[in-house]
Each structure stands twice: as C-alpha cells, then as structure tokens.
Amino acid sequence: MSSKEKLNTLIGADGQTLSPTLPENIKNYLIDIDGTITEDVPNEEPERMLTCLPFPDALEVLEKWYLEGHIITFFTSRTEEQREYTERWLKMHNIKYHALLMNKPRGGNYHWIDNHMVKATRFRGKFTPLVKTEKEIEVFNDDFISE
C-alpha cells in the first residue's frame, strides 16, 4: 500500500477539502542519513558514501517500521548531485523507503514549523524503542494578535 492510499481526506467547517492526514497508527518518519543510520560522511567526501556501512540497529528498526506500514522518508543534507550515490547505497544495503529528499539545510539547530503535528526525536547513537517523555518546547503565542 502506498502512502497516498493510506491518507484520510479531511473536510473543513466551510466544506472545503483540507490537507489529508495519515491514520493515527501510521507514522511519517523523516530520517537523516549521515550520522543517523550510518557514519557521518560530509558532502565534501562523496567517495566515502559508498564504502560506509549502515548501523545494524538502524537496519533492524527501519525494516520493522517499514513492515508495520509506516512511511519512511530520508531527508539528507547530501546534494542533488549525490542522489545517485545515495540511492545506490540504500539499495546496496536493502534499505526500504518511500521517498528521498535531498538538500536539507546543513548546520543543525532545526526549527520545523508546520500546520500538522510534528514530533522531534534527537538521535543519540542507537535506534532503541521510542518512549514518551515531556520536554520544554517553543510554541507560537496564541495571545499575540497582530492588528
């Protein structure tokens, strides 16, 4: 089943169609490659991209998520010129995914703003079971009204 087949149609109060959503039990995983599922290979050393190995725990978890029907999208700072190497590397290691987005801004300190719920998980070296925790986050101030 493709990600498009899983989408739920939403209708707003005015009767107009809204952006669709996935069912609550399906997650849309957006995952970095370098430093997350394999060693951290900078764009300036593309020859290393085909020689590094995926982290075994990442392979196991990614396969599990894919088989459970979750959407796997890789979002990488690798450039469009490195797409062929990246796709070859993913295929070489039999990594299943739905999409590959290139040219993620480099440098970290990401602040994602979206009209859909976004959950962020900072990778700390191992793919282990996800747990729920409470953290301080920044949100838009609902009390602020611009005139």
N, C-alpha and C. Protein backbone atom coordinates (compact mmCIF):
# COMPACT_ATOMS: atom_id res chain seq x y z
N MET A 1 0.85 -1.18 0.00
CA MET A 1 0.00 0.00 0.00
C MET A 1 0.90 1.24 0.00
N SER A 2 0.64 2.18 -0.91
CA SER A 2 1.44 3.40 -0.98
C SER A 2 0.99 4.39 0.09
N SER A 3 1.85 5.39 0.33
CA SER A 3 1.50 6.39 1.34
C SER A 3 0.24 7.17 0.93
N LYS A 4 0.02 7.36 -0.37
CA LYS A 4 -1.17 8.08 -0.84
C LYS A 4 -2.45 7.30 -0.53
N GLU A 5 -2.38 5.96 -0.60
CA GLU A 5 -3.55 5.13 -0.32
C GLU A 5 -3.92 5.14 1.16
N LYS A 6 -2.98 5.50 2.02
CA LYS A 6 -3.22 5.50 3.46
C LYS A 6 -3.84 6.81 3.96
N LEU A 7 -3.84 7.85 3.14
CA LEU A 7 -4.27 9.16 3.58
C LEU A 7 -5.77 9.25 3.81
N ASN A 8 -6.14 9.96 4.88
CA ASN A 8 -7.54 10.24 5.20
C ASN A 8 -7.90 11.62 4.67
N THR A 9 -9.01 11.72 3.97
CA THR A 9 -9.47 13.01 3.47
C THR A 9 -10.10 13.79 4.61
N LEU A 10 -9.79 15.07 4.70
CA LEU A 10 -10.38 15.94 5.73
C LEU A 10 -11.17 17.05 5.05
N ILE A 11 -12.29 17.38 5.65
CA ILE A 11 -13.15 18.47 5.16
C ILE A 11 -13.27 19.51 6.28
N GLY A 12 -13.02 20.76 5.94
CA GLY A 12 -13.10 21.85 6.91
C GLY A 12 -14.54 22.25 7.21
N ALA A 13 -14.70 23.13 8.19
CA ALA A 13 -16.03 23.59 8.59
C ALA A 13 -16.77 24.28 7.44
N ASP A 14 -16.00 24.86 6.51
CA ASP A 14 -16.62 25.55 5.37
C ASP A 14 -16.92 24.60 4.21
N GLY A 15 -16.65 23.29 4.40
CA GLY A 15 -16.94 22.29 3.37
C GLY A 15 -15.81 22.09 2.37
N GLN A 16 -14.74 22.86 2.51
CA GLN A 16 -13.62 22.72 1.58
C GLN A 16 -12.66 21.63 2.05
N THR A 17 -12.01 20.99 1.09
CA THR A 17 -11.06 19.93 1.39
C THR A 17 -9.81 20.52 2.03
N LEU A 18 -9.32 19.85 3.08
CA LEU A 18 -8.08 20.25 3.75
C LEU A 18 -6.98 19.26 3.38
N SER A 19 -5.74 19.56 3.75
CA SER A 19 -4.65 18.62 3.53
C SER A 19 -4.96 17.30 4.23
N PRO A 20 -4.75 16.17 3.55
CA PRO A 20 -5.07 14.88 4.16
C PRO A 20 -4.10 14.51 5.27
N THR A 21 -4.50 13.56 6.10
CA THR A 21 -3.65 13.07 7.18
C THR A 21 -3.56 11.55 7.12
N LEU A 22 -2.52 11.03 7.73
CA LEU A 22 -2.39 9.58 7.87
C LEU A 22 -3.24 9.10 9.02
N PRO A 23 -3.62 7.84 9.02
CA PRO A 23 -4.31 7.29 10.20
C PRO A 23 -3.40 7.44 11.43
N GLU A 24 -4.00 7.54 12.60
CA GLU A 24 -3.24 7.78 13.83
C GLU A 24 -2.18 6.72 14.11
N ASN A 25 -2.41 5.49 13.68
CA ASN A 25 -1.45 4.41 13.96
C ASN A 25 -0.29 4.34 12.96
N ILE A 26 -0.31 5.18 11.93
CA ILE A 26 0.76 5.21 10.94
C ILE A 26 1.60 6.47 11.15
N LYS A 27 2.90 6.28 11.26
CA LYS A 27 3.82 7.42 11.46
C LYS A 27 4.52 7.74 10.15
N ASN A 28 4.85 8.99 9.99
CA ASN A 28 5.55 9.51 8.84
C ASN A 28 6.97 9.81 9.31
N TYR A 29 7.87 8.84 9.22
CA TYR A 29 9.23 9.03 9.72
C TYR A 29 10.07 9.78 8.69
N LEU A 30 10.66 10.87 9.12
CA LEU A 30 11.56 11.69 8.31
C LEU A 30 12.94 11.53 8.95
N ILE A 31 13.86 10.83 8.28
CA ILE A 31 15.09 10.38 8.92
C ILE A 31 16.31 10.88 8.16
N ASP A 32 17.26 11.42 8.89
CA ASP A 32 18.54 11.82 8.33
C ASP A 32 19.35 10.56 8.01
N ILE A 33 20.33 10.65 7.15
CA ILE A 33 21.18 9.50 6.81
C ILE A 33 22.51 9.57 7.54
N ASP A 34 23.30 10.59 7.24
CA ASP A 34 24.67 10.67 7.78
C ASP A 34 24.66 10.98 9.27
N GLY A 35 25.29 10.09 10.03
CA GLY A 35 25.34 10.26 11.48
C GLY A 35 24.12 9.69 12.18
N THR A 36 23.16 9.18 11.41
CA THR A 36 21.93 8.64 12.00
C THR A 36 21.76 7.17 11.67
N ILE A 37 21.81 6.82 10.37
CA ILE A 37 21.71 5.41 10.02
C ILE A 37 23.05 4.85 9.55
N THR A 38 24.03 5.72 9.40
CA THR A 38 25.40 5.32 9.05
C THR A 38 26.35 6.37 9.60
N GLU A 39 27.65 6.14 9.41
CA GLU A 39 28.63 7.11 9.92
C GLU A 39 28.38 8.48 9.30
N ASP A 40 28.89 9.52 9.94
CA ASP A 40 28.70 10.89 9.49
C ASP A 40 29.68 11.20 8.37
N VAL A 41 29.20 11.16 7.13
CA VAL A 41 30.03 11.41 5.96
C VAL A 41 29.70 12.80 5.43
N PRO A 42 30.65 13.73 5.45
CA PRO A 42 30.36 15.08 4.94
C PRO A 42 30.25 15.07 3.41
N ASN A 43 29.46 15.99 2.88
CA ASN A 43 29.26 16.11 1.43
C ASN A 43 30.58 16.29 0.68
N GLU A 44 31.57 16.86 1.36
CA GLU A 44 32.85 17.14 0.71
C GLU A 44 33.68 15.87 0.48
N GLU A 45 33.21 14.73 0.99
CA GLU A 45 33.93 13.46 0.83
C GLU A 45 33.00 12.39 0.24
N PRO A 46 32.45 12.65 -0.95
CA PRO A 46 31.44 11.74 -1.51
C PRO A 46 31.97 10.33 -1.77
N GLU A 47 33.28 10.16 -1.94
CA GLU A 47 33.84 8.83 -2.19
C GLU A 47 33.60 7.88 -1.02
N ARG A 48 33.40 8.43 0.18
CA ARG A 48 33.14 7.60 1.37
C ARG A 48 31.70 7.09 1.42
N MET A 49 30.81 7.73 0.67
CA MET A 49 29.39 7.40 0.76
C MET A 49 29.09 5.95 0.42
N LEU A 50 29.83 5.38 -0.52
CA LEU A 50 29.55 4.01 -0.94
C LEU A 50 30.31 2.97 -0.12
N THR A 51 31.23 3.43 0.73
CA THR A 51 32.03 2.47 1.50
C THR A 51 31.58 2.32 2.95
N CYS A 52 30.78 3.25 3.45
CA CYS A 52 30.36 3.15 4.85
C CYS A 52 29.24 2.12 4.99
N LEU A 53 29.11 1.57 6.18
CA LEU A 53 28.09 0.57 6.46
C LEU A 53 26.96 1.16 7.29
N PRO A 54 25.74 0.68 7.11
CA PRO A 54 24.64 1.14 7.96
C PRO A 54 24.82 0.58 9.37
N PHE A 55 24.28 1.29 10.34
CA PHE A 55 24.30 0.80 11.72
C PHE A 55 23.31 -0.36 11.81
N PRO A 56 23.73 -1.52 12.37
CA PRO A 56 22.84 -2.69 12.44
C PRO A 56 21.51 -2.42 13.13
N ASP A 57 21.53 -1.64 14.22
CA ASP A 57 20.27 -1.35 14.92
C ASP A 57 19.34 -0.51 14.06
N ALA A 58 19.92 0.37 13.23
CA ALA A 58 19.10 1.18 12.33
C ALA A 58 18.42 0.29 11.29
N LEU A 59 19.18 -0.65 10.71
CA LEU A 59 18.61 -1.56 9.73
C LEU A 59 17.42 -2.33 10.31
N GLU A 60 17.60 -2.82 11.51
CA GLU A 60 16.57 -3.62 12.18
C GLU A 60 15.30 -2.79 12.42
N VAL A 61 15.46 -1.60 12.95
CA VAL A 61 14.31 -0.75 13.27
C VAL A 61 13.63 -0.24 11.99
N LEU A 62 14.41 0.17 11.01
CA LEU A 62 13.83 0.66 9.76
C LEU A 62 13.00 -0.44 9.07
N GLU A 63 13.52 -1.66 9.05
CA GLU A 63 12.79 -2.79 8.46
C GLU A 63 11.48 -3.01 9.21
N LYS A 64 11.53 -2.97 10.54
CA LYS A 64 10.34 -3.17 11.37
C LYS A 64 9.30 -2.10 11.07
N TRP A 65 9.72 -0.83 11.07
CA TRP A 65 8.79 0.26 10.80
C TRP A 65 8.18 0.14 9.41
N TYR A 66 9.00 -0.20 8.43
CA TYR A 66 8.50 -0.34 7.06
C TYR A 66 7.44 -1.44 6.98
N LEU A 67 7.74 -2.59 7.58
CA LEU A 67 6.80 -3.72 7.56
C LEU A 67 5.52 -3.43 8.34
N GLU A 68 5.60 -2.55 9.34
CA GLU A 68 4.41 -2.16 10.10
C GLU A 68 3.54 -1.16 9.32
N GLY A 69 4.02 -0.71 8.16
CA GLY A 69 3.23 0.19 7.32
C GLY A 69 3.52 1.66 7.51
N HIS A 70 4.52 2.00 8.32
CA HIS A 70 4.88 3.41 8.49
C HIS A 70 5.57 3.92 7.23
N ILE A 71 5.55 5.23 7.05
CA ILE A 71 6.18 5.87 5.89
C ILE A 71 7.62 6.22 6.26
N ILE A 72 8.58 5.78 5.45
CA ILE A 72 9.99 6.06 5.68
C ILE A 72 10.46 7.01 4.59
N THR A 73 10.86 8.20 5.00
CA THR A 73 11.41 9.20 4.07
C THR A 73 12.76 9.63 4.60
N PHE A 74 13.77 9.55 3.76
CA PHE A 74 15.08 10.04 4.15
C PHE A 74 15.20 11.49 3.70
N PHE A 75 15.69 12.32 4.62
CA PHE A 75 15.85 13.76 4.42
C PHE A 75 17.31 14.06 4.73
N THR A 76 18.10 14.35 3.70
CA THR A 76 19.53 14.43 3.86
C THR A 76 20.12 15.75 3.37
N SER A 77 21.23 16.14 3.97
CA SER A 77 21.96 17.33 3.52
C SER A 77 22.81 17.02 2.28
N ARG A 78 22.83 15.75 1.89
CA ARG A 78 23.53 15.43 0.65
C ARG A 78 22.86 16.21 -0.48
N THR A 79 23.65 16.61 -1.45
CA THR A 79 23.13 17.43 -2.54
C THR A 79 22.51 16.57 -3.63
N GLU A 80 21.79 17.21 -4.51
CA GLU A 80 21.16 16.51 -5.63
C GLU A 80 22.21 15.77 -6.46
N GLU A 81 23.42 16.31 -6.57
CA GLU A 81 24.50 15.65 -7.32
C GLU A 81 24.87 14.31 -6.68
N GLN A 82 24.53 14.12 -5.40
CA GLN A 82 24.87 12.88 -4.69
C GLN A 82 23.70 11.90 -4.61
N ARG A 83 22.61 12.23 -5.28
CA ARG A 83 21.42 11.37 -5.24
C ARG A 83 21.74 9.96 -5.74
N GLU A 84 22.44 9.84 -6.88
CA GLU A 84 22.72 8.51 -7.44
C GLU A 84 23.52 7.67 -6.45
N TYR A 85 24.57 8.24 -5.82
CA TYR A 85 25.35 7.52 -4.81
C TYR A 85 24.45 7.08 -3.64
N THR A 86 23.61 8.00 -3.23
CA THR A 86 22.75 7.75 -2.07
C THR A 86 21.76 6.63 -2.36
N GLU A 87 21.10 6.68 -3.52
CA GLU A 87 20.15 5.63 -3.89
C GLU A 87 20.87 4.29 -4.05
N ARG A 88 22.07 4.31 -4.63
CA ARG A 88 22.85 3.07 -4.76
C ARG A 88 23.19 2.49 -3.40
N TRP A 89 23.58 3.37 -2.46
CA TRP A 89 23.94 2.93 -1.11
C TRP A 89 22.72 2.30 -0.42
N LEU A 90 21.57 2.95 -0.51
CA LEU A 90 20.36 2.42 0.10
C LEU A 90 20.00 1.05 -0.50
N LYS A 91 20.11 0.92 -1.82
CA LYS A 91 19.81 -0.34 -2.49
C LYS A 91 20.84 -1.42 -2.11
N MET A 92 22.13 -1.05 -2.06
CA MET A 92 23.19 -1.99 -1.69
C MET A 92 22.92 -2.66 -0.36
N HIS A 93 22.32 -1.90 0.56
CA HIS A 93 22.08 -2.38 1.92
C HIS A 93 20.62 -2.80 2.14
N ASN A 94 19.87 -2.88 1.02
CA ASN A 94 18.49 -3.38 1.06
C ASN A 94 17.62 -2.59 2.04
N ILE A 95 17.81 -1.29 2.05
CA ILE A 95 17.03 -0.42 2.94
C ILE A 95 15.77 0.03 2.19
N LYS A 96 14.61 -0.34 2.74
CA LYS A 96 13.34 0.01 2.11
C LYS A 96 12.90 1.40 2.58
N TYR A 97 12.38 2.18 1.65
CA TYR A 97 11.93 3.53 1.98
C TYR A 97 10.91 3.98 0.93
N HIS A 98 10.23 5.07 1.22
CA HIS A 98 9.21 5.57 0.32
C HIS A 98 9.68 6.80 -0.48
N ALA A 99 10.54 7.61 0.13
CA ALA A 99 10.99 8.83 -0.56
C ALA A 99 12.37 9.24 -0.05
N LEU A 100 13.06 10.00 -0.88
CA LEU A 100 14.38 10.52 -0.56
C LEU A 100 14.41 12.01 -0.90
N LEU A 101 14.54 12.85 0.11
CA LEU A 101 14.59 14.30 -0.08
C LEU A 101 16.03 14.77 0.12
N MET A 102 16.55 15.46 -0.87
CA MET A 102 17.93 15.92 -0.84
C MET A 102 17.96 17.40 -0.41
N ASN A 103 19.18 17.90 -0.13
CA ASN A 103 19.44 19.32 0.13
C ASN A 103 18.85 19.86 1.43
N LYS A 104 18.76 19.02 2.47
CA LYS A 104 18.36 19.52 3.78
C LYS A 104 19.37 20.60 4.18
N PRO A 105 18.96 21.70 4.75
CA PRO A 105 19.93 22.71 5.17
C PRO A 105 20.96 22.11 6.13
N ARG A 106 22.20 22.51 5.97
CA ARG A 106 23.27 22.00 6.82
C ARG A 106 23.39 22.84 8.08
N GLY A 107 23.96 22.25 9.12
CA GLY A 107 24.29 23.03 10.30
C GLY A 107 23.45 22.73 11.53
N GLY A 108 22.39 21.95 11.39
CA GLY A 108 21.59 21.62 12.56
C GLY A 108 20.76 22.79 13.06
N ASN A 109 20.41 22.75 14.37
CA ASN A 109 19.56 23.76 15.00
C ASN A 109 18.26 23.95 14.22
N TYR A 110 17.65 22.83 13.83
CA TYR A 110 16.44 22.87 13.02
C TYR A 110 15.23 23.31 13.83
N HIS A 111 14.40 24.11 13.21
CA HIS A 111 13.16 24.57 13.82
C HIS A 111 12.07 24.39 12.76
N TRP A 112 11.32 23.33 12.87
CA TRP A 112 10.33 22.98 11.88
C TRP A 112 8.99 23.60 12.25
N ILE A 113 8.41 24.34 11.31
CA ILE A 113 7.11 24.97 11.51
C ILE A 113 6.14 24.36 10.50
N ASP A 114 5.04 23.84 10.99
CA ASP A 114 4.11 23.11 10.13
C ASP A 114 2.71 23.24 10.72
N ASN A 115 1.67 23.09 9.87
CA ASN A 115 0.31 23.12 10.40
C ASN A 115 -0.14 21.74 10.89
N HIS A 116 0.71 20.72 10.69
CA HIS A 116 0.43 19.38 11.19
C HIS A 116 1.30 19.13 12.42
N MET A 117 0.89 18.17 13.24
CA MET A 117 1.64 17.80 14.43
C MET A 117 3.02 17.30 14.02
N VAL A 118 4.05 17.84 14.67
CA VAL A 118 5.43 17.42 14.41
C VAL A 118 6.01 16.92 15.72
N LYS A 119 6.57 15.72 15.69
CA LYS A 119 7.24 15.17 16.86
C LYS A 119 8.72 15.03 16.49
N ALA A 120 9.58 15.56 17.32
CA ALA A 120 11.01 15.51 17.04
C ALA A 120 11.69 14.52 17.98
N THR A 121 12.60 13.73 17.42
CA THR A 121 13.36 12.79 18.21
C THR A 121 14.82 12.99 17.86
N ARG A 122 15.61 13.40 18.82
CA ARG A 122 17.03 13.60 18.57
C ARG A 122 17.74 12.26 18.66
N PHE A 123 18.49 11.93 17.62
CA PHE A 123 19.22 10.67 17.57
C PHE A 123 20.48 10.79 18.42
N ARG A 124 20.68 9.83 19.29
CA ARG A 124 21.83 9.85 20.21
C ARG A 124 22.70 8.60 20.09
N GLY A 125 22.78 8.02 18.88
CA GLY A 125 23.72 6.94 18.66
C GLY A 125 23.16 5.54 18.57
N LYS A 126 21.91 5.32 18.93
CA LYS A 126 21.33 3.98 18.87
C LYS A 126 19.84 4.06 18.54
N PHE A 127 19.40 3.15 17.67
CA PHE A 127 17.98 3.00 17.43
C PHE A 127 17.44 2.06 18.48
N THR A 128 16.78 2.60 19.47
CA THR A 128 16.18 1.81 20.54
C THR A 128 14.68 2.10 20.53
N PRO A 129 13.88 1.39 21.30
CA PRO A 129 12.44 1.70 21.31
C PRO A 129 12.19 3.16 21.69
N LEU A 130 11.21 3.76 21.03
CA LEU A 130 10.83 5.13 21.36
C LEU A 130 9.99 5.12 22.63
N VAL A 131 10.23 6.09 23.50
CA VAL A 131 9.45 6.24 24.72
C VAL A 131 8.89 7.65 24.78
N LYS A 132 7.80 7.82 25.49
CA LYS A 132 7.20 9.15 25.64
C LYS A 132 7.83 9.84 26.84
N THR A 133 8.12 11.13 26.66
CA THR A 133 8.67 11.95 27.74
C THR A 133 8.17 13.38 27.54
N GLU A 134 8.25 14.17 28.58
CA GLU A 134 7.84 15.56 28.46
C GLU A 134 9.07 16.44 28.43
N LYS A 135 9.10 17.38 27.49
CA LYS A 135 10.21 18.32 27.33
C LYS A 135 9.64 19.70 27.12
N GLU A 136 10.44 20.69 27.42
CA GLU A 136 10.05 22.07 27.15
C GLU A 136 10.20 22.33 25.66
N ILE A 137 9.16 22.95 25.05
CA ILE A 137 9.22 23.26 23.63
C ILE A 137 8.79 24.70 23.41
N GLU A 138 9.15 25.25 22.25
CA GLU A 138 8.70 26.58 21.87
C GLU A 138 7.43 26.44 21.04
N VAL A 139 6.44 27.27 21.30
CA VAL A 139 5.20 27.28 20.54
C VAL A 139 4.84 28.72 20.21
N PHE A 140 3.98 28.93 19.22
CA PHE A 140 3.52 30.27 18.91
C PHE A 140 2.60 30.76 20.02
N ASN A 141 2.71 32.01 20.37
CA ASN A 141 1.91 32.62 21.43
C ASN A 141 0.51 32.91 20.90
N ASP A 142 -0.47 32.14 21.36
CA ASP A 142 -1.86 32.33 20.93
C ASP A 142 -2.44 33.66 21.38
N ASP A 143 -1.84 34.25 22.42
CA ASP A 143 -2.36 35.52 22.94
C ASP A 143 -1.94 36.72 22.08
N PHE A 144 -0.93 36.52 21.24
CA PHE A 144 -0.43 37.63 20.42
C PHE A 144 -1.29 37.76 19.19
N ILE A 145 -1.90 38.92 19.02
CA ILE A 145 -2.75 39.17 17.85
C ILE A 145 -2.22 40.41 17.15
N SER A 146 -1.88 40.24 15.89
CA SER A 146 -1.36 41.34 15.09
C SER A 146 -2.53 42.11 14.48
N GLU A 147 -2.48 43.40 14.56
CA GLU A 147 -3.58 44.22 14.02
C GLU A 147 -3.17 44.87 12.73
